Protein backbone atom coordinates (compact mmCIF):
# COMPACT_ATOMS: atom_id res chain seq x y z
CA MET A 1 116.57 113.86 46.92
CA LEU A 2 118.62 117.03 47.28
CA SER A 3 118.63 119.22 44.18
CA ILE A 4 121.04 122.14 43.96
CA ASP A 5 121.08 124.95 41.40
CA LEU A 6 124.81 125.64 40.97
CA GLY A 7 124.27 129.33 40.17
CA LEU A 8 125.79 129.20 36.70
CA ALA A 9 122.77 130.47 34.77
CA PRO A 10 123.56 133.70 32.95
CA PRO A 11 122.61 136.69 35.10
CA ASN A 12 119.55 138.70 34.13
CA SER A 13 121.89 141.57 33.27
CA TRP A 14 125.62 141.20 32.67
CA LEU A 15 125.98 144.94 33.25
CA THR A 16 124.40 144.66 36.70
CA ALA A 17 126.43 141.54 37.52
CA SER A 18 129.64 143.29 36.46
CA ALA A 19 128.80 146.44 38.42
CA LEU A 20 128.05 144.33 41.50
CA ALA A 21 131.35 142.47 41.08
CA LEU A 22 133.29 145.74 40.79
CA ALA A 23 131.53 147.33 43.76
CA TRP A 24 132.16 144.23 45.85
CA LEU A 25 135.79 144.19 44.71
CA ALA A 26 136.12 147.62 46.33
CA VAL A 27 134.60 146.21 49.54
CA MET A 28 137.06 143.32 49.46
CA TRP A 29 140.07 145.58 48.95
CA ALA A 30 138.89 147.89 51.72
CA TYR A 31 138.49 144.94 54.09
CA SER A 32 141.77 143.20 53.17
CA PRO A 33 143.95 145.25 55.56
CA VAL A 34 141.49 144.49 58.37
CA ALA A 35 141.65 140.78 57.54
CA ASP A 36 145.43 140.96 57.62
CA ARG A 37 145.48 142.78 60.98
CA LEU A 38 143.15 140.22 62.55
CA ALA A 39 145.11 137.29 61.12
CA THR A 40 148.37 138.84 62.33
CA ARG A 41 146.97 139.04 65.88
CA TRP A 42 146.10 135.36 65.82
CA PHE A 43 149.08 133.97 63.88
CA ALA A 44 152.57 135.43 64.23
CA LYS A 45 154.21 133.61 61.34
CA PRO A 46 153.80 135.48 58.02
CA PRO A 47 152.25 133.74 55.01
CA GLU A 48 154.36 131.25 53.10
CA LEU A 49 154.01 132.48 49.52
CA SER A 50 157.06 130.92 47.87
CA ALA A 51 154.67 128.93 45.66
CA PHE A 52 153.97 132.26 43.94
CA ARG A 53 157.62 133.15 43.33
CA ALA A 54 157.22 132.38 39.61
CA LEU A 55 154.89 135.38 39.29
CA GLN A 56 157.91 137.59 39.97
CA GLN A 57 160.16 135.92 37.39
CA SER A 58 158.62 137.03 34.09
CA LYS A 59 155.56 138.62 32.50
CA ALA A 60 154.75 135.32 30.78
CA LYS A 61 154.66 133.50 34.13
CA LEU A 62 152.55 136.28 35.61
CA VAL A 63 150.04 136.00 32.74
CA ALA A 64 149.98 132.20 33.10
CA GLY A 65 149.45 132.59 36.84
CA ILE A 66 146.57 135.01 36.33
CA ILE A 67 144.91 132.64 33.84
CA LEU A 68 145.35 129.77 36.29
CA ALA A 69 143.92 131.92 39.09
CA TRP A 70 140.81 132.68 37.03
CA VAL A 71 140.27 128.99 36.27
CA LEU A 72 141.14 127.50 39.67
CA GLY A 73 140.22 130.38 42.00
CA GLY A 74 137.66 132.39 40.14
CA PHE A 75 135.74 129.54 38.56
CA LEU A 76 136.45 126.18 40.21
CA GLU A 77 136.82 127.41 43.78
CA GLU A 78 133.61 129.42 43.52
CA LEU A 79 131.75 126.55 41.88
CA ILE A 80 132.83 124.12 44.59
CA LEU A 81 132.69 126.39 47.65
CA ARG A 82 129.66 128.53 46.84
CA GLY A 83 127.79 126.74 44.03
CA ILE A 84 127.96 123.29 45.65
CA LEU A 85 129.09 123.43 49.29
CA LEU A 86 127.35 126.61 50.50
CA GLN A 87 124.10 125.69 48.79
CA THR A 88 124.20 122.07 49.96
CA VAL A 89 124.76 123.10 53.58
CA LYS A 90 122.03 125.75 53.25
CA SER A 91 119.59 123.17 51.85
CA VAL A 92 120.35 120.60 54.54
CA VAL A 93 120.28 123.07 57.45
CA SER A 94 117.11 124.77 56.17
CA TYR A 95 115.16 121.60 56.99
CA TRP A 96 115.74 122.33 60.70
CA HIS A 97 116.33 126.08 60.92
CA LEU A 98 115.34 129.38 59.40
CA SER A 99 116.67 130.24 55.98
CA LEU A 100 118.93 133.02 57.33
CA LEU A 101 120.63 130.65 59.77
CA ALA A 102 120.95 128.03 57.04
CA THR A 103 122.55 130.60 54.72
CA ALA A 104 124.98 131.69 57.46
CA ALA A 105 125.90 128.06 58.08
CA GLY A 106 126.56 127.58 54.37
CA ILE A 107 128.76 130.69 54.25
CA ALA A 108 130.67 129.53 57.35
CA VAL A 109 131.26 126.00 56.06
CA ALA A 110 132.44 127.32 52.68
CA ALA A 111 134.82 129.75 54.44
CA ALA A 112 136.15 126.91 56.61
CA ALA A 113 136.77 124.86 53.47
CA ALA A 114 138.60 127.81 51.89
CA TRP A 115 140.74 128.01 55.02
CA VAL A 116 141.68 124.32 54.67
CA VAL A 117 142.38 124.63 50.93
CA HIS A 118 144.77 127.55 51.56
CA LEU A 119 146.67 126.08 54.53
CA TYR A 120 149.65 125.47 52.22
CA GLN A 121 150.18 129.26 52.46
CA GLY A 122 150.39 129.13 56.27
CA LEU A 123 147.88 129.81 59.03
CA ARG A 124 147.91 133.60 58.66
CA ALA A 125 147.20 133.48 54.92
CA ALA A 126 144.52 130.81 55.39
CA CYS A 127 142.89 133.02 58.03
CA ILE A 128 142.90 136.00 55.66
CA VAL A 129 141.43 133.84 52.88
CA ALA A 130 138.70 132.51 55.18
CA GLN A 131 137.64 136.06 56.02
CA LEU A 132 137.57 137.03 52.36
CA SER A 133 135.67 133.83 51.63
CA VAL A 134 132.90 135.02 53.95
CA LEU A 135 132.66 138.16 51.81
CA PHE A 136 132.50 136.06 48.63
CA GLY A 137 129.69 134.08 50.27
CA VAL A 138 127.79 137.24 51.10
CA LEU A 139 128.22 138.44 47.50
CA PHE A 140 126.83 135.11 46.29
CA VAL A 141 123.75 135.57 48.47
CA ILE A 142 123.13 139.23 47.55
CA SER A 143 123.58 138.39 43.86
CA GLY A 144 120.60 136.07 44.12
CA TYR A 145 122.77 132.93 44.28
CA ASN A 146 124.30 133.63 40.89
CA LEU A 147 127.97 132.71 40.68
CA TRP A 148 128.95 135.07 37.85
CA PRO A 149 129.40 138.23 39.97
CA VAL A 150 131.40 136.16 42.48
CA ILE A 151 133.55 134.59 39.76
CA LEU A 152 134.23 138.02 38.26
CA CYS A 153 135.02 139.57 41.65
CA HIS A 154 137.28 136.67 42.67
CA GLY A 155 139.12 136.67 39.34
CA LEU A 156 139.65 140.43 39.45
CA TYR A 157 140.77 140.30 43.09
CA ASP A 158 143.34 137.61 42.31
CA THR A 159 144.49 139.46 39.18
CA ILE A 160 145.20 142.63 41.14
CA ALA A 161 146.82 140.67 43.98
CA PHE A 162 149.06 138.76 41.53
CA ILE A 163 150.13 141.93 39.71
CA ARG A 164 150.91 143.66 43.01
CA PHE A 165 152.81 140.58 44.21
CA ALA A 166 154.78 140.30 40.96
CA ASN A 167 155.73 143.97 41.16
CA LYS A 168 156.63 143.63 44.86
CA GLN A 169 153.97 146.15 45.87
CA SER A 170 152.21 143.96 48.41
CA LYS A 171 153.13 143.48 52.05
CA TYR A 172 154.15 139.84 51.63
CA SER A 173 155.75 139.96 48.18
CA HIS A 174 159.34 140.38 49.36
CA LEU A 175 160.12 136.68 49.68
CA ASP A 176 163.82 137.35 50.22
CA ARG A 177 163.05 139.04 53.59
CA GLN A 178 161.19 136.06 55.04
């Protein structure tokens, strides 16, 4: 029988986990423009982000959106994609292949699932998310398969993205131009 550790045990050090999450957040933000450039080459149509219009309507809606992002994106998405899916694929593939290949397969399958989950935002956005999902997968692996640094990084990434979107500081936040 397949037994999976979901990665929700408290980290050995919350300080280390938090520092890793913040350092990786910098990596994610540095890579984001590259992800956008690649996605733009492959998909001409810009992301469809009208589902996030409410973030621009009031501070209360922005705060509610950030809380929802932490629960759905930061926690649930990471639990499902990394804690369950990545580790299940890794466990199954490791019966036939080396651990590194099994880990890469798990990261790839989780990123593909993230792509599917975000298709409602359009192909370009889903492509960007899939690339960032690979980075979240790598963070999960380098954190010793502990979800807490990934949850923190994902929640912080979404928080910054939502604030920038609400304040019309991001490339795709001007919904009236699309």
